Amino acid sequence: MPDGKPAGVRCIQLDDALRCKIFGQPERPTVCGSLPPSEDMCGDSREQAMRWLGWMEEQTMPTSDPGGSDGVFQSPTN
């Protein structure tokens, strides 16, 4: 996705099994590799992992407020 992936939009590089089609390839975006799996991120199920990713998308979504956010994030488990 040349202009980035909008929040809430499925990545075009996922196959039918939800695996990255360009994993390990030089064209894979840096941001994809910058999210190493962790217990906090993955939880105990795919549902928990998807909830965490949704929260991250919300927290990093560009704001229309010229002042921006206050930079204080609460994790979805708090």
PDB file of N, CA and C in Angstrom:
ATOM      1  N   MET A   1       0.867  -1.168   0.000  1.00  0.00           N
ATOM      2  CA  MET A   1       0.000   0.000   0.000  1.00  0.00           C
ATOM      3  C   MET A   1       0.912   1.228   0.000  1.00  0.00           C
ATOM      4  N   PRO A   2       1.103   1.820  -1.141  1.00  0.00           N
ATOM      5  CA  PRO A   2       2.087   2.899  -1.292  1.00  0.00           C
ATOM      6  C   PRO A   2       1.897   4.075  -0.334  1.00  0.00           C
ATOM      7  N   ASP A   3       0.663   4.402   0.006  1.00  0.00           N
ATOM      8  CA  ASP A   3       0.416   5.538   0.903  1.00  0.00           C
ATOM      9  C   ASP A   3       0.127   5.093   2.324  1.00  0.00           C
ATOM     10  N   GLY A   4       0.464   3.859   2.658  1.00  0.00           N
ATOM     11  CA  GLY A   4       0.208   3.330   3.990  1.00  0.00           C
ATOM     12  C   GLY A   4      -1.142   2.656   4.057  1.00  0.00           C
ATOM     13  N   LYS A   5      -1.393   1.952   5.159  1.00  0.00           N
ATOM     14  CA  LYS A   5      -2.645   1.242   5.354  1.00  0.00           C
ATOM     15  C   LYS A   5      -3.522   2.040   6.306  1.00  0.00           C
ATOM     16  N   PRO A   6      -4.690   2.436   5.856  1.00  0.00           N
ATOM     17  CA  PRO A   6      -5.595   3.153   6.765  1.00  0.00           C
ATOM     18  C   PRO A   6      -6.058   2.239   7.901  1.00  0.00           C
ATOM     19  N   ALA A   7      -6.334   2.816   9.035  1.00  0.00           N
ATOM     20  CA  ALA A   7      -6.850   2.059  10.178  1.00  0.00           C
ATOM     21  C   ALA A   7      -8.136   1.349   9.786  1.00  0.00           C
ATOM     22  N   GLY A   8      -8.252   0.103  10.218  1.00  0.00           N
ATOM     23  CA  GLY A   8      -9.466  -0.657   9.962  1.00  0.00           C
ATOM     24  C   GLY A   8      -9.529  -1.321   8.602  1.00  0.00           C
ATOM     25  N   VAL A   9      -8.506  -1.134   7.778  1.00  0.00           N
ATOM     26  CA  VAL A   9      -8.481  -1.733   6.437  1.00  0.00           C
ATOM     27  C   VAL A   9      -7.514  -2.910   6.466  1.00  0.00           C
ATOM     28  N   ARG A  10      -7.962  -4.044   5.952  1.00  0.00           N
ATOM     29  CA  ARG A  10      -7.119  -5.237   5.906  1.00  0.00           C
ATOM     30  C   ARG A  10      -5.930  -4.984   4.978  1.00  0.00           C
ATOM     31  N   CYS A  11      -4.768  -5.419   5.384  1.00  0.00           N
ATOM     32  CA  CYS A  11      -3.571  -5.270   4.567  1.00  0.00           C
ATOM     33  C   CYS A  11      -3.717  -6.099   3.294  1.00  0.00           C
ATOM     34  N   ILE A  12      -3.365  -5.519   2.174  1.00  0.00           N
ATOM     35  CA  ILE A  12      -3.487  -6.216   0.898  1.00  0.00           C
ATOM     36  C   ILE A  12      -2.460  -7.334   0.752  1.00  0.00           C
ATOM     37  N   GLN A  13      -1.480  -7.386   1.639  1.00  0.00           N
ATOM     38  CA  GLN A  13      -0.447  -8.418   1.562  1.00  0.00           C
ATOM     39  C   GLN A  13      -0.794  -9.685   2.343  1.00  0.00           C
ATOM     40  N   LEU A  14      -1.972  -9.755   2.959  1.00  0.00           N
ATOM     41  CA  LEU A  14      -2.373 -10.957   3.687  1.00  0.00           C
ATOM     42  C   LEU A  14      -3.020 -11.951   2.734  1.00  0.00           C
ATOM     43  N   ASP A  15      -2.629 -13.222   2.880  1.00  0.00           N
ATOM     44  CA  ASP A  15      -3.251 -14.257   2.059  1.00  0.00           C
ATOM     45  C   ASP A  15      -4.529 -14.757   2.749  1.00  0.00           C
ATOM     46  N   ASP A  16      -5.146 -15.783   2.185  1.00  0.00           N
ATOM     47  CA  ASP A  16      -6.405 -16.293   2.740  1.00  0.00           C
ATOM     48  C   ASP A  16      -6.241 -16.876   4.142  1.00  0.00           C
ATOM     49  N   ALA A  17      -5.025 -17.305   4.488  1.00  0.00           N
ATOM     50  CA  ALA A  17      -4.750 -17.849   5.816  1.00  0.00           C
ATOM     51  C   ALA A  17      -4.246 -16.765   6.773  1.00  0.00           C
ATOM     52  N   LEU A  18      -4.351 -15.486   6.351  1.00  0.00           N
ATOM     53  CA  LEU A  18      -3.924 -14.319   7.128  1.00  0.00           C
ATOM     54  C   LEU A  18      -2.413 -14.290   7.359  1.00  0.00           C
ATOM     55  N   ARG A  19      -1.669 -14.866   6.443  1.00  0.00           N
ATOM     56  CA  ARG A  19      -0.203 -14.822   6.514  1.00  0.00           C
ATOM     57  C   ARG A  19       0.304 -13.763   5.545  1.00  0.00           C
ATOM     58  N   CYS A  20       1.388 -13.116   5.941  1.00  0.00           N
ATOM     59  CA  CYS A  20       1.977 -12.067   5.110  1.00  0.00           C
ATOM     60  C   CYS A  20       2.631 -12.678   3.877  1.00  0.00           C
ATOM     61  N   LYS A  21       2.222 -12.203   2.706  1.00  0.00           N
ATOM     62  CA  LYS A  21       2.761 -12.712   1.445  1.00  0.00           C
ATOM     63  C   LYS A  21       4.168 -12.188   1.158  1.00  0.00           C
ATOM     64  N   ILE A  22       4.592 -11.139   1.866  1.00  0.00           N
ATOM     65  CA  ILE A  22       5.916 -10.572   1.600  1.00  0.00           C
ATOM     66  C   ILE A  22       6.822 -10.659   2.831  1.00  0.00           C
ATOM     67  N   PHE A  23       6.490 -11.544   3.781  1.00  0.00           N
ATOM     68  CA  PHE A  23       7.318 -11.727   4.981  1.00  0.00           C
ATOM     69  C   PHE A  23       8.736 -12.093   4.555  1.00  0.00           C
ATOM     70  N   GLY A  24       9.720 -11.406   5.131  1.00  0.00           N
ATOM     71  CA  GLY A  24      11.116 -11.668   4.815  1.00  0.00           C
ATOM     72  C   GLY A  24      11.608 -11.044   3.525  1.00  0.00           C
ATOM     73  N   GLN A  25      10.732 -10.362   2.805  1.00  0.00           N
ATOM     74  CA  GLN A  25      11.115  -9.727   1.542  1.00  0.00           C
ATOM     75  C   GLN A  25      11.521  -8.276   1.800  1.00  0.00           C
ATOM     76  N   PRO A  26      12.417  -7.731   0.974  1.00  0.00           N
ATOM     77  CA  PRO A  26      12.869  -6.348   1.186  1.00  0.00           C
ATOM     78  C   PRO A  26      11.751  -5.322   1.049  1.00  0.00           C
ATOM     79  N   GLU A  27      10.702  -5.636   0.299  1.00  0.00           N
ATOM     80  CA  GLU A  27       9.603  -4.672   0.131  1.00  0.00           C
ATOM     81  C   GLU A  27       8.628  -4.655   1.307  1.00  0.00           C
ATOM     82  N   ARG A  28       8.819  -5.553   2.282  1.00  0.00           N
ATOM     83  CA  ARG A  28       7.951  -5.543   3.467  1.00  0.00           C
ATOM     84  C   ARG A  28       8.199  -4.248   4.243  1.00  0.00           C
ATOM     85  N   PRO A  29       7.131  -3.518   4.577  1.00  0.00           N
ATOM     86  CA  PRO A  29       7.300  -2.249   5.292  1.00  0.00           C
ATOM     87  C   PRO A  29       8.001  -2.426   6.643  1.00  0.00           C
ATOM     88  N   THR A  30       8.840  -1.488   6.982  1.00  0.00           N
ATOM     89  CA  THR A  30       9.580  -1.521   8.242  1.00  0.00           C
ATOM     90  C   THR A  30       8.635  -1.627   9.434  1.00  0.00           C
ATOM     91  N   VAL A  31       7.512  -0.944   9.374  1.00  0.00           N
ATOM     92  CA  VAL A  31       6.584  -0.948  10.504  1.00  0.00           C
ATOM     93  C   VAL A  31       6.089  -2.355  10.817  1.00  0.00           C
ATOM     94  N   CYS A  32       5.976  -3.199   9.806  1.00  0.00           N
ATOM     95  CA  CYS A  32       5.499  -4.571  10.028  1.00  0.00           C
ATOM     96  C   CYS A  32       6.469  -5.354  10.898  1.00  0.00           C
ATOM     97  N   GLY A  33       7.743  -5.153  10.677  1.00  0.00           N
ATOM     98  CA  GLY A  33       8.748  -5.844  11.480  1.00  0.00           C
ATOM     99  C   GLY A  33       9.013  -5.182  12.808  1.00  0.00           C
ATOM    100  N   SER A  34       8.467  -3.997  13.007  1.00  0.00           N
ATOM    101  CA  SER A  34       8.719  -3.268  14.252  1.00  0.00           C
ATOM    102  C   SER A  34       7.762  -3.669  15.367  1.00  0.00           C
ATOM    103  N   LEU A  35       6.848  -4.591  15.083  1.00  0.00           N
ATOM    104  CA  LEU A  35       5.897  -5.050  16.091  1.00  0.00           C
ATOM    105  C   LEU A  35       6.151  -6.516  16.429  1.00  0.00           C
ATOM    106  N   PRO A  36       7.240  -6.800  17.160  1.00  0.00           N
ATOM    107  CA  PRO A  36       7.492  -8.195  17.493  1.00  0.00           C
ATOM    108  C   PRO A  36       6.395  -8.710  18.423  1.00  0.00           C
ATOM    109  N   PRO A  37       5.986  -9.965  18.241  1.00  0.00           N
ATOM    110  CA  PRO A  37       4.922 -10.493  19.090  1.00  0.00           C
ATOM    111  C   PRO A  37       5.330 -10.505  20.558  1.00  0.00           C
ATOM    112  N   SER A  38       4.381 -10.235  21.400  1.00  0.00           N
ATOM    113  CA  SER A  38       4.599 -10.283  22.846  1.00  0.00           C
ATOM    114  C   SER A  38       3.312 -10.782  23.487  1.00  0.00           C
ATOM    115  N   GLU A  39       3.412 -11.215  24.730  1.00  0.00           N
ATOM    116  CA  GLU A  39       2.223 -11.695  25.430  1.00  0.00           C
ATOM    117  C   GLU A  39       1.181 -10.587  25.552  1.00  0.00           C
ATOM    118  N   ASP A  40       1.632  -9.346  25.788  1.00  0.00           N
ATOM    119  CA  ASP A  40       0.686  -8.227  25.888  1.00  0.00           C
ATOM    120  C   ASP A  40      -0.061  -8.017  24.573  1.00  0.00           C
ATOM    121  N   MET A  41       0.647  -8.154  23.460  1.00  0.00           N
ATOM    122  CA  MET A  41       0.035  -7.914  22.159  1.00  0.00           C
ATOM    123  C   MET A  41      -0.847  -9.084  21.735  1.00  0.00           C
ATOM    124  N   CYS A  42      -0.358 -10.298  21.902  1.00  0.00           N
ATOM    125  CA  CYS A  42      -1.065 -11.463  21.365  1.00  0.00           C
ATOM    126  C   CYS A  42      -2.137 -12.015  22.302  1.00  0.00           C
ATOM    127  N   GLY A  43      -1.937 -11.877  23.599  1.00  0.00           N
ATOM    128  CA  GLY A  43      -2.909 -12.425  24.541  1.00  0.00           C
ATOM    129  C   GLY A  43      -2.995 -13.939  24.419  1.00  0.00           C
ATOM    130  N   ASP A  44      -4.178 -14.461  24.667  1.00  0.00           N
ATOM    131  CA  ASP A  44      -4.397 -15.907  24.633  1.00  0.00           C
ATOM    132  C   ASP A  44      -5.153 -16.371  23.402  1.00  0.00           C
ATOM    133  N   SER A  45      -5.507 -15.432  22.520  1.00  0.00           N
ATOM    134  CA  SER A  45      -6.318 -15.826  21.370  1.00  0.00           C
ATOM    135  C   SER A  45      -6.147 -14.815  20.237  1.00  0.00           C
ATOM    136  N   ARG A  46      -6.598 -15.212  19.070  1.00  0.00           N
ATOM    137  CA  ARG A  46      -6.586 -14.311  17.917  1.00  0.00           C
ATOM    138  C   ARG A  46      -7.471 -13.095  18.201  1.00  0.00           C
ATOM    139  N   GLU A  47      -8.599 -13.324  18.866  1.00  0.00           N
ATOM    140  CA  GLU A  47      -9.519 -12.225  19.196  1.00  0.00           C
ATOM    141  C   GLU A  47      -8.818 -11.166  20.043  1.00  0.00           C
ATOM    142  N   GLN A  48      -8.054 -11.597  21.041  1.00  0.00           N
ATOM    143  CA  GLN A  48      -7.332 -10.637  21.882  1.00  0.00           C
ATOM    144  C   GLN A  48      -6.274  -9.894  21.078  1.00  0.00           C
ATOM    145  N   ALA A  49      -5.575 -10.621  20.201  1.00  0.00           N
ATOM    146  CA  ALA A  49      -4.552  -9.972  19.373  1.00  0.00           C
ATOM    147  C   ALA A  49      -5.182  -8.935  18.445  1.00  0.00           C
ATOM    148  N   MET A  50      -6.324  -9.275  17.858  1.00  0.00           N
ATOM    149  CA  MET A  50      -7.000  -8.342  16.955  1.00  0.00           C
ATOM    150  C   MET A  50      -7.519  -7.119  17.712  1.00  0.00           C
ATOM    151  N   ARG A  51      -7.988  -7.315  18.936  1.00  0.00           N
ATOM    152  CA  ARG A  51      -8.439  -6.187  19.760  1.00  0.00           C
ATOM    153  C   ARG A  51      -7.263  -5.247  20.046  1.00  0.00           C
ATOM    154  N   TRP A  52      -6.080  -5.830  20.356  1.00  0.00           N
ATOM    155  CA  TRP A  52      -4.895  -5.023  20.636  1.00  0.00           C
ATOM    156  C   TRP A  52      -4.480  -4.243  19.387  1.00  0.00           C
ATOM    157  N   LEU A  53      -4.478  -4.913  18.224  1.00  0.00           N
ATOM    158  CA  LEU A  53      -4.106  -4.226  16.980  1.00  0.00           C
ATOM    159  C   LEU A  53      -5.090  -3.105  16.653  1.00  0.00           C
ATOM    160  N   GLY A  54      -6.379  -3.348  16.894  1.00  0.00           N
ATOM    161  CA  GLY A  54      -7.386  -2.308  16.681  1.00  0.00           C
ATOM    162  C   GLY A  54      -7.134  -1.109  17.577  1.00  0.00           C
ATOM    163  N   TRP A  55      -6.787  -1.392  18.821  1.00  0.00           N
ATOM    164  CA  TRP A  55      -6.473  -0.310  19.772  1.00  0.00           C
ATOM    165  C   TRP A  55      -5.259   0.484  19.283  1.00  0.00           C
ATOM    166  N   MET A  56      -4.224  -0.233  18.807  1.00  0.00           N
ATOM    167  CA  MET A  56      -3.030   0.455  18.305  1.00  0.00           C
ATOM    168  C   MET A  56      -3.375   1.345  17.108  1.00  0.00           C
ATOM    169  N   GLU A  57      -4.228   0.853  16.230  1.00  0.00           N
ATOM    170  CA  GLU A  57      -4.626   1.666  15.075  1.00  0.00           C
ATOM    171  C   GLU A  57      -5.353   2.928  15.539  1.00  0.00           C
ATOM    172  N   GLU A  58      -6.241   2.780  16.519  1.00  0.00           N
ATOM    173  CA  GLU A  58      -6.959   3.957  17.037  1.00  0.00           C
ATOM    174  C   GLU A  58      -5.992   4.958  17.652  1.00  0.00           C
ATOM    175  N   GLN A  59      -5.032   4.472  18.426  1.00  0.00           N
ATOM    176  CA  GLN A  59      -4.103   5.348  19.132  1.00  0.00           C
ATOM    177  C   GLN A  59      -3.130   6.062  18.204  1.00  0.00           C
ATOM    178  N   THR A  60      -2.865   5.479  17.046  1.00  0.00           N
ATOM    179  CA  THR A  60      -1.884   6.077  16.131  1.00  0.00           C
ATOM    180  C   THR A  60      -2.543   6.733  14.927  1.00  0.00           C
ATOM    181  N   MET A  61      -3.873   6.766  14.913  1.00  0.00           N
ATOM    182  CA  MET A  61      -4.597   7.392  13.804  1.00  0.00           C
ATOM    183  C   MET A  61      -4.342   8.900  13.823  1.00  0.00           C
ATOM    184  N   PRO A  62      -4.033   9.458  12.659  1.00  0.00           N
ATOM    185  CA  PRO A  62      -3.834  10.916  12.621  1.00  0.00           C
ATOM    186  C   PRO A  62      -5.071  11.637  13.150  1.00  0.00           C
ATOM    187  N   THR A  63      -4.834  12.704  13.861  1.00  0.00           N
ATOM    188  CA  THR A  63      -5.924  13.473  14.453  1.00  0.00           C
ATOM    189  C   THR A  63      -6.186  14.727  13.633  1.00  0.00           C
ATOM    190  N   SER A  64      -7.422  15.177  13.635  1.00  0.00           N
ATOM    191  CA  SER A  64      -7.735  16.432  12.955  1.00  0.00           C
ATOM    192  C   SER A  64      -7.501  17.620  13.881  1.00  0.00           C
ATOM    193  N   ASP A  65      -7.203  17.331  15.151  1.00  0.00           N
ATOM    194  CA  ASP A  65      -6.911  18.371  16.135  1.00  0.00           C
ATOM    195  C   ASP A  65      -5.503  18.901  15.881  1.00  0.00           C
ATOM    196  N   PRO A  66      -5.365  20.183  15.529  1.00  0.00           N
ATOM    197  CA  PRO A  66      -4.035  20.720  15.224  1.00  0.00           C
ATOM    198  C   PRO A  66      -3.067  20.596  16.386  1.00  0.00           C
ATOM    199  N   GLY A  67      -3.583  20.535  17.598  1.00  0.00           N
ATOM    200  CA  GLY A  67      -2.720  20.390  18.768  1.00  0.00           C
ATOM    201  C   GLY A  67      -2.289  18.962  18.987  1.00  0.00           C
ATOM    202  N   GLY A  68      -2.939  18.003  18.318  1.00  0.00           N
ATOM    203  CA  GLY A  68      -2.581  16.595  18.475  1.00  0.00           C
ATOM    204  C   GLY A  68      -3.093  16.033  19.777  1.00  0.00           C
ATOM    205  N   SER A  69      -2.726  14.804  20.048  1.00  0.00           N
ATOM    206  CA  SER A  69      -3.166  14.167  21.293  1.00  0.00           C
ATOM    207  C   SER A  69      -2.180  14.512  22.387  1.00  0.00           C
ATOM    208  N   ASP A  70      -2.527  14.125  23.598  1.00  0.00           N
ATOM    209  CA  ASP A  70      -1.640  14.416  24.712  1.00  0.00           C
ATOM    210  C   ASP A  70      -0.508  13.385  24.832  1.00  0.00           C
ATOM    211  N   GLY A  71      -0.543  12.351  23.951  1.00  0.00           N
ATOM    212  CA  GLY A  71       0.525  11.373  23.935  1.00  0.00           C
ATOM    213  C   GLY A  71       0.430  10.329  25.021  1.00  0.00           C
ATOM    214  N   VAL A  72      -0.633  10.358  25.824  1.00  0.00           N
ATOM    215  CA  VAL A  72      -0.799   9.395  26.893  1.00  0.00           C
ATOM    216  C   VAL A  72      -1.721   8.294  26.406  1.00  0.00           C
ATOM    217  N   PHE A  73      -1.205   7.080  26.344  1.00  0.00           N
ATOM    218  CA  PHE A  73      -1.977   5.946  25.856  1.00  0.00           C
ATOM    219  C   PHE A  73      -2.295   5.007  27.011  1.00  0.00           C
ATOM    220  N   GLN A  74      -3.470   4.461  27.013  1.00  0.00           N
ATOM    221  CA  GLN A  74      -3.853   3.416  27.949  1.00  0.00           C
ATOM    222  C   GLN A  74      -4.020   2.151  27.135  1.00  0.00           C
ATOM    223  N   SER A  75      -3.392   1.066  27.550  1.00  0.00           N
ATOM    224  CA  SER A  75      -3.510  -0.167  26.788  1.00  0.00           C
ATOM    225  C   SER A  75      -4.936  -0.702  26.892  1.00  0.00           C
ATOM    226  N   PRO A  76      -5.342  -1.565  25.953  1.00  0.00           N
ATOM    227  CA  PRO A  76      -6.701  -2.071  25.960  1.00  0.00           C
ATOM    228  C   PRO A  76      -6.984  -2.981  27.141  1.00  0.00           C
ATOM    229  N   THR A  77      -5.943  -3.382  27.879  1.00  0.00           N
ATOM    230  CA  THR A  77      -6.149  -4.226  29.042  1.00  0.00           C
ATOM    231  C   THR A  77      -6.291  -3.416  30.319  1.00  0.00           C
ATOM    232  N   ASN A  78      -6.036  -2.096  30.247  1.00  0.00           N
ATOM    233  CA  ASN A  78      -6.149  -1.234  31.444  1.00  0.00           C
ATOM    234  C   ASN A  78      -7.584  -0.831  31.682  1.00  0.00           C
TER     235      ASN A  78
END
